[in-house]
């Protein structure tokens, strides 16, 4: 479950009593049923920023299979794991071995996370580990991030699936206006038969 207030969101904690990165936890009791939620900081998570920024749909829900590109240390991945729950899977791809160590530690507690320490530009390297997915989420701050998304979507995304990408304009072209960079990236996706449905800014969180 994702619950959002005006300034933050929370996810239902899969491992009650434990934080992942020092985030606050909120215990709620109703009709004798205790639940614990973890605060999801939009300044530390692109997906949380998108939800609070008013994105219509992130397509990630209980039972979803998600391919997460650019998993870093697993902070946002842990919240995605909370959302998809025990019947979902998060395939979390991260190239950095240092971040990857943290990601592996997060996955030890959340068994619905499959950590993959590989280059997202080379999806053939992890094709034996990843099944077909409902959602591809890409947060790779690289000049060819749209191409990386497309490579993975063609390999793993179901025909009925969806994708979400966080585009960092200055990683692609720091000399061009961000609006121009965004429209170019959207064109690249369309050329690859990916059809973006909506676009929002992550300001003031990013």
C-alpha atoms as a PDB file:
ATOM      1  CA  UNK A   1       0.000   0.000   0.000  1.00  0.00           C
ATOM      2  CA  UNK A   2       1.141   3.537  -0.758  1.00  0.00           C
ATOM      3  CA  UNK A   3      -0.457   6.292   1.276  1.00  0.00           C
ATOM      4  CA  UNK A   4       0.479   9.896   0.535  1.00  0.00           C
ATOM      5  CA  UNK A   5       0.022  12.963   2.657  1.00  0.00           C
ATOM      6  CA  UNK A   6       0.753  16.469   1.392  1.00  0.00           C
ATOM      7  CA  UNK A   7       4.471  16.335   2.099  1.00  0.00           C
ATOM      8  CA  UNK A   8       5.434  12.674   2.170  1.00  0.00           C
ATOM      9  CA  UNK A   9       4.280   9.152   1.399  1.00  0.00           C
ATOM     10  CA  UNK A  10       4.442   5.873   3.298  1.00  0.00           C
ATOM     11  CA  UNK A  11       4.551   2.201   2.339  1.00  0.00           C
ATOM     12  CA  UNK A  12       3.373  -0.767   4.388  1.00  0.00           C
ATOM     13  CA  UNK A  13       6.525  -2.231   5.949  1.00  0.00           C
ATOM     14  CA  UNK A  14       7.231  -5.815   4.837  1.00  0.00           C
ATOM     15  CA  UNK A  15       9.637  -6.219   7.762  1.00  0.00           C
ATOM     16  CA  UNK A  16       7.962  -4.515  10.746  1.00  0.00           C
ATOM     17  CA  UNK A  17      10.358  -3.225  13.392  1.00  0.00           C
ATOM     18  CA  UNK A  18      13.130  -2.511  10.891  1.00  0.00           C
ATOM     19  CA  UNK A  19      14.181   0.547   8.903  1.00  0.00           C
ATOM     20  CA  UNK A  20      16.265   0.250   5.737  1.00  0.00           C
ATOM     21  CA  UNK A  21      18.048   3.602   5.660  1.00  0.00           C
ATOM     22  CA  UNK A  22      17.074   5.291   8.929  1.00  0.00           C
ATOM     23  CA  UNK A  23      13.614   6.333   7.691  1.00  0.00           C
ATOM     24  CA  UNK A  24      10.834   6.966  10.206  1.00  0.00           C
ATOM     25  CA  UNK A  25       8.303   4.235  10.911  1.00  0.00           C
ATOM     26  CA  UNK A  26       4.687   4.746  11.917  1.00  0.00           C
ATOM     27  CA  UNK A  27       2.685   2.084  13.749  1.00  0.00           C
ATOM     28  CA  UNK A  28      -1.069   1.994  13.192  1.00  0.00           C
ATOM     29  CA  UNK A  29      -3.565  -0.167  15.063  1.00  0.00           C
ATOM     30  CA  UNK A  30      -7.124  -0.706  13.888  1.00  0.00           C
ATOM     31  CA  UNK A  31      -9.536  -3.344  15.201  1.00  0.00           C
ATOM     32  CA  UNK A  32      -6.681  -5.108  16.985  1.00  0.00           C
ATOM     33  CA  UNK A  33      -4.687  -5.330  13.743  1.00  0.00           C
ATOM     34  CA  UNK A  34      -1.230  -3.745  13.973  1.00  0.00           C
ATOM     35  CA  UNK A  35       0.471  -2.417  10.861  1.00  0.00           C
ATOM     36  CA  UNK A  36       3.678  -0.505  10.408  1.00  0.00           C
ATOM     37  CA  UNK A  37       4.361   1.996   7.644  1.00  0.00           C
ATOM     38  CA  UNK A  38       7.694   3.421   6.477  1.00  0.00           C
ATOM     39  CA  UNK A  39       7.940   7.099   5.565  1.00  0.00           C
ATOM     40  CA  UNK A  40       8.921   7.528   1.894  1.00  0.00           C
ATOM     41  CA  UNK A  41      10.925  10.711   1.409  1.00  0.00           C
ATOM     42  CA  UNK A  42      10.342  12.336  -2.022  1.00  0.00           C
ATOM     43  CA  UNK A  43      13.706  14.108  -1.782  1.00  0.00           C
ATOM     44  CA  UNK A  44      15.404  10.694  -1.740  1.00  0.00           C
ATOM     45  CA  UNK A  45      13.216   8.824  -4.221  1.00  0.00           C
ATOM     46  CA  UNK A  46      12.183   9.677  -7.793  1.00  0.00           C
ATOM     47  CA  UNK A  47       9.105   7.447  -7.571  1.00  0.00           C
ATOM     48  CA  UNK A  48       7.941   9.088  -4.333  1.00  0.00           C
ATOM     49  CA  UNK A  49       8.574  12.503  -5.936  1.00  0.00           C
ATOM     50  CA  UNK A  50       6.480  11.494  -8.968  1.00  0.00           C
ATOM     51  CA  UNK A  51       3.586  10.287  -6.783  1.00  0.00           C
ATOM     52  CA  UNK A  52       3.580  13.470  -4.708  1.00  0.00           C
ATOM     53  CA  UNK A  53       4.055  15.506  -7.901  1.00  0.00           C
ATOM     54  CA  UNK A  54       0.741  14.140  -9.162  1.00  0.00           C
ATOM     55  CA  UNK A  55       1.692  11.427 -11.656  1.00  0.00           C
ATOM     56  CA  UNK A  56      -1.468   9.591 -12.649  1.00  0.00           C
ATOM     57  CA  UNK A  57      -0.068   6.063 -12.475  1.00  0.00           C
ATOM     58  CA  UNK A  58       3.261   4.440 -11.575  1.00  0.00           C
ATOM     59  CA  UNK A  59       1.797   1.039 -12.569  1.00  0.00           C
ATOM     60  CA  UNK A  60       3.465  -0.673  -9.590  1.00  0.00           C
ATOM     61  CA  UNK A  61       0.948  -2.517  -7.429  1.00  0.00           C
ATOM     62  CA  UNK A  62       0.603  -5.616  -5.214  1.00  0.00           C
ATOM     63  CA  UNK A  63       1.734  -8.708  -7.136  1.00  0.00           C
ATOM     64  CA  UNK A  64       3.588  -6.734  -9.843  1.00  0.00           C
ATOM     65  CA  UNK A  65       6.842  -7.966 -11.331  1.00  0.00           C
ATOM     66  CA  UNK A  66       9.158  -4.971 -11.683  1.00  0.00           C
ATOM     67  CA  UNK A  67      12.532  -4.571 -13.404  1.00  0.00           C
ATOM     68  CA  UNK A  68      14.272  -1.689 -11.627  1.00  0.00           C
ATOM     69  CA  UNK A  69      17.285  -0.276 -13.510  1.00  0.00           C
ATOM     70  CA  UNK A  70      19.663   1.845 -11.449  1.00  0.00           C
ATOM     71  CA  UNK A  71      18.784   0.327  -8.084  1.00  0.00           C
ATOM     72  CA  UNK A  72      21.678   2.044  -6.242  1.00  0.00           C
ATOM     73  CA  UNK A  73      21.783   1.063  -2.534  1.00  0.00           C
ATOM     74  CA  UNK A  74      18.189  -0.150  -2.552  1.00  0.00           C
ATOM     75  CA  UNK A  75      16.388   2.641  -0.681  1.00  0.00           C
ATOM     76  CA  UNK A  76      13.609   3.156  -3.264  1.00  0.00           C
ATOM     77  CA  UNK A  77      13.801  -0.516  -4.225  1.00  0.00           C
ATOM     78  CA  UNK A  78      12.837  -1.405  -0.644  1.00  0.00           C
ATOM     79  CA  UNK A  79       9.675   0.726  -0.916  1.00  0.00           C
ATOM     80  CA  UNK A  80       8.827  -0.831  -4.288  1.00  0.00           C
ATOM     81  CA  UNK A  81       9.257  -4.249  -2.625  1.00  0.00           C
ATOM     82  CA  UNK A  82       6.817  -3.123   0.091  1.00  0.00           C
ATOM     83  CA  UNK A  83       4.266  -2.166  -2.584  1.00  0.00           C
ATOM     84  CA  UNK A  84       4.484  -5.343  -4.706  1.00  0.00           C
ATOM     85  CA  UNK A  85       4.425  -7.444  -1.548  1.00  0.00           C
ATOM     86  CA  UNK A  86       5.184 -11.142  -1.116  1.00  0.00           C
ATOM     87  CA  UNK A  87       3.471 -12.106  -4.401  1.00  0.00           C
ATOM     88  CA  UNK A  88       5.481  -9.620  -6.458  1.00  0.00           C
ATOM     89  CA  UNK A  89       9.141  -9.491  -7.484  1.00  0.00           C
ATOM     90  CA  UNK A  90      11.605  -6.628  -7.904  1.00  0.00           C
ATOM     91  CA  UNK A  91      14.540  -7.441 -10.182  1.00  0.00           C
ATOM     92  CA  UNK A  92      17.001  -4.751  -9.047  1.00  0.00           C
ATOM     93  CA  UNK A  93      19.888  -4.013 -11.441  1.00  0.00           C
ATOM     94  CA  UNK A  94      22.862  -1.963 -10.230  1.00  0.00           C
ATOM     95  CA  UNK A  95      26.295  -1.667 -11.862  1.00  0.00           C
ATOM     96  CA  UNK A  96      28.274  -0.225  -8.931  1.00  0.00           C
ATOM     97  CA  UNK A  97      29.719  -2.933  -6.707  1.00  0.00           C
ATOM     98  CA  UNK A  98      29.792  -0.597  -3.706  1.00  0.00           C
ATOM     99  CA  UNK A  99      26.071   0.234  -3.982  1.00  0.00           C
ATOM    100  CA  UNK A 100      25.472  -3.382  -4.926  1.00  0.00           C
ATOM    101  CA  UNK A 101      26.730  -4.573  -1.531  1.00  0.00           C
ATOM    102  CA  UNK A 102      24.118  -2.411   0.207  1.00  0.00           C
ATOM    103  CA  UNK A 103      21.461  -3.623  -2.231  1.00  0.00           C
ATOM    104  CA  UNK A 104      22.299  -7.270  -1.466  1.00  0.00           C
ATOM    105  CA  UNK A 105      21.939  -6.544   2.260  1.00  0.00           C
ATOM    106  CA  UNK A 106      18.489  -5.006   1.680  1.00  0.00           C
ATOM    107  CA  UNK A 107      17.504  -8.103  -0.326  1.00  0.00           C
ATOM    108  CA  UNK A 108      18.483 -10.423   2.537  1.00  0.00           C
ATOM    109  CA  UNK A 109      15.513  -9.080   4.536  1.00  0.00           C
ATOM    110  CA  UNK A 110      13.124  -8.613   1.606  1.00  0.00           C
ATOM    111  CA  UNK A 111      13.091 -11.892  -0.250  1.00  0.00           C
ATOM    112  CA  UNK A 112      11.017 -10.458  -3.118  1.00  0.00           C
ATOM    113  CA  UNK A 113      14.072  -8.443  -4.249  1.00  0.00           C
ATOM    114  CA  UNK A 114      16.453 -10.165  -6.691  1.00  0.00           C
ATOM    115  CA  UNK A 115      19.686  -8.114  -6.697  1.00  0.00           C
ATOM    116  CA  UNK A 116      21.568  -8.158 -10.019  1.00  0.00           C
ATOM    117  CA  UNK A 117      25.003  -6.511 -10.070  1.00  0.00           C
ATOM    118  CA  UNK A 118      25.366  -5.958 -13.803  1.00  0.00           C
ATOM    119  CA  UNK A 119      25.454  -3.230 -16.464  1.00  0.00           C
ATOM    120  CA  UNK A 120      21.896  -2.323 -17.536  1.00  0.00           C
ATOM    121  CA  UNK A 121      23.287  -1.683 -21.040  1.00  0.00           C
ATOM    122  CA  UNK A 122      23.806  -5.447 -21.363  1.00  0.00           C
ATOM    123  CA  UNK A 123      20.449  -7.089 -20.550  1.00  0.00           C
ATOM    124  CA  UNK A 124      21.585 -10.328 -22.197  1.00  0.00           C
ATOM    125  CA  UNK A 125      23.916 -10.808 -19.198  1.00  0.00           C
ATOM    126  CA  UNK A 126      20.961 -11.220 -16.824  1.00  0.00           C
ATOM    127  CA  UNK A 127      18.332 -12.658 -19.153  1.00  0.00           C
ATOM    128  CA  UNK A 128      18.515 -16.014 -17.325  1.00  0.00           C
ATOM    129  CA  UNK A 129      17.601 -14.327 -14.014  1.00  0.00           C
ATOM    130  CA  UNK A 130      14.746 -12.061 -15.097  1.00  0.00           C
ATOM    131  CA  UNK A 131      11.297 -13.180 -16.198  1.00  0.00           C
ATOM    132  CA  UNK A 132       8.800 -11.106 -18.167  1.00  0.00           C
ATOM    133  CA  UNK A 133       7.772  -8.074 -16.126  1.00  0.00           C
ATOM    134  CA  UNK A 134       4.763  -5.787 -15.742  1.00  0.00           C
ATOM    135  CA  UNK A 135       6.835  -2.635 -15.232  1.00  0.00           C
ATOM    136  CA  UNK A 136      10.321  -1.423 -16.155  1.00  0.00           C
ATOM    137  CA  UNK A 137      11.507   1.510 -14.049  1.00  0.00           C
ATOM    138  CA  UNK A 138      14.714   3.238 -15.170  1.00  0.00           C
ATOM    139  CA  UNK A 139      16.741   5.658 -13.076  1.00  0.00           C
ATOM    140  CA  UNK A 140      20.152   5.499 -14.725  1.00  0.00           C
ATOM    141  CA  UNK A 141      21.890   8.860 -14.915  1.00  0.00           C
ATOM    142  CA  UNK A 142      23.589   8.110 -18.247  1.00  0.00           C
ATOM    143  CA  UNK A 143      23.633   9.942 -21.594  1.00  0.00           C
ATOM    144  CA  UNK A 144      22.036   6.911 -23.305  1.00  0.00           C
ATOM    145  CA  UNK A 145      19.363   6.305 -20.643  1.00  0.00           C
ATOM    146  CA  UNK A 146      16.489   6.119 -23.160  1.00  0.00           C
ATOM    147  CA  UNK A 147      18.393   3.462 -25.139  1.00  0.00           C
ATOM    148  CA  UNK A 148      19.047   1.499 -21.916  1.00  0.00           C
ATOM    149  CA  UNK A 149      15.317   1.571 -21.111  1.00  0.00           C
ATOM    150  CA  UNK A 150      14.399   0.436 -24.640  1.00  0.00           C
ATOM    151  CA  UNK A 151      16.911  -2.449 -24.643  1.00  0.00           C
ATOM    152  CA  UNK A 152      15.475  -3.787 -21.399  1.00  0.00           C
ATOM    153  CA  UNK A 153      11.841  -3.168 -22.310  1.00  0.00           C
ATOM    154  CA  UNK A 154      12.233  -5.083 -25.595  1.00  0.00           C
ATOM    155  CA  UNK A 155      13.810  -7.990 -23.735  1.00  0.00           C
ATOM    156  CA  UNK A 156      11.630  -8.212 -20.604  1.00  0.00           C
ATOM    157  CA  UNK A 157       8.469  -6.069 -20.740  1.00  0.00           C
ATOM    158  CA  UNK A 158       5.157  -7.843 -21.306  1.00  0.00           C
ATOM    159  CA  UNK A 159       3.056  -6.618 -24.233  1.00  0.00           C
ATOM    160  CA  UNK A 160       0.550  -5.306 -21.686  1.00  0.00           C
ATOM    161  CA  UNK A 161       3.301  -3.819 -19.495  1.00  0.00           C
ATOM    162  CA  UNK A 162       4.322  -0.245 -18.736  1.00  0.00           C
ATOM    163  CA  UNK A 163       7.533   1.687 -18.229  1.00  0.00           C
ATOM    164  CA  UNK A 164       8.553   4.638 -16.060  1.00  0.00           C
ATOM    165  CA  UNK A 165      11.773   6.574 -16.655  1.00  0.00           C
ATOM    166  CA  UNK A 166      13.415   9.345 -14.669  1.00  0.00           C
ATOM    167  CA  UNK A 167      15.233  11.562 -17.169  1.00  0.00           C
ATOM    168  CA  UNK A 168      18.039  13.750 -15.853  1.00  0.00           C
ATOM    169  CA  UNK A 169      18.477  16.342 -18.597  1.00  0.00           C
ATOM    170  CA  UNK A 170      21.971  17.523 -17.605  1.00  0.00           C
ATOM    171  CA  UNK A 171      23.304  13.946 -17.763  1.00  0.00           C
ATOM    172  CA  UNK A 172      22.292  13.797 -21.422  1.00  0.00           C
ATOM    173  CA  UNK A 173      23.160  17.326 -22.626  1.00  0.00           C
ATOM    174  CA  UNK A 174      24.106  19.995 -20.102  1.00  0.00           C
ATOM    175  CA  UNK A 175      24.184  22.694 -22.831  1.00  0.00           C
ATOM    176  CA  UNK A 176      20.587  22.265 -24.061  1.00  0.00           C
ATOM    177  CA  UNK A 177      17.369  23.472 -22.450  1.00  0.00           C
ATOM    178  CA  UNK A 178      15.838  20.657 -20.342  1.00  0.00           C
ATOM    179  CA  UNK A 179      12.544  20.826 -22.301  1.00  0.00           C
ATOM    180  CA  UNK A 180      14.435  20.155 -25.540  1.00  0.00           C
ATOM    181  CA  UNK A 181      16.300  17.209 -23.982  1.00  0.00           C
ATOM    182  CA  UNK A 182      13.029  15.716 -22.675  1.00  0.00           C
ATOM    183  CA  UNK A 183      11.314  15.997 -26.071  1.00  0.00           C
ATOM    184  CA  UNK A 184      14.311  14.357 -27.805  1.00  0.00           C
ATOM    185  CA  UNK A 185      14.262  11.458 -25.325  1.00  0.00           C
ATOM    186  CA  UNK A 186      10.513  10.981 -25.825  1.00  0.00           C
ATOM    187  CA  UNK A 187      11.117  10.875 -29.599  1.00  0.00           C
ATOM    188  CA  UNK A 188      13.792   8.190 -29.135  1.00  0.00           C
ATOM    189  CA  UNK A 189      11.355   6.061 -27.131  1.00  0.00           C
ATOM    190  CA  UNK A 190       8.608   6.484 -29.726  1.00  0.00           C
ATOM    191  CA  UNK A 191      11.014   5.397 -32.473  1.00  0.00           C
ATOM    192  CA  UNK A 192      11.481   2.168 -30.482  1.00  0.00           C
ATOM    193  CA  UNK A 193       7.690   1.658 -30.258  1.00  0.00           C
ATOM    194  CA  UNK A 194       7.519   2.682 -26.608  1.00  0.00           C
ATOM    195  CA  UNK A 195       4.598   5.035 -26.086  1.00  0.00           C
ATOM    196  CA  UNK A 196       4.962   7.515 -23.205  1.00  0.00           C
ATOM    197  CA  UNK A 197       1.546   8.386 -21.724  1.00  0.00           C
ATOM    198  CA  UNK A 198       2.393  11.262 -19.394  1.00  0.00           C
ATOM    199  CA  UNK A 199       5.281  13.448 -18.323  1.00  0.00           C
ATOM    200  CA  UNK A 200       5.730  15.452 -15.130  1.00  0.00           C
ATOM    201  CA  UNK A 201       8.499  17.469 -13.512  1.00  0.00           C
ATOM    202  CA  UNK A 202      10.011  16.217 -10.259  1.00  0.00           C
ATOM    203  CA  UNK A 203      10.539  19.754  -8.971  1.00  0.00           C
ATOM    204  CA  UNK A 204      10.779  20.835  -6.190  1.00  0.00           C
ATOM    205  CA  UNK A 205      12.097  17.423  -5.090  1.00  0.00           C
ATOM    206  CA  UNK A 206      14.847  17.103  -7.673  1.00  0.00           C
END
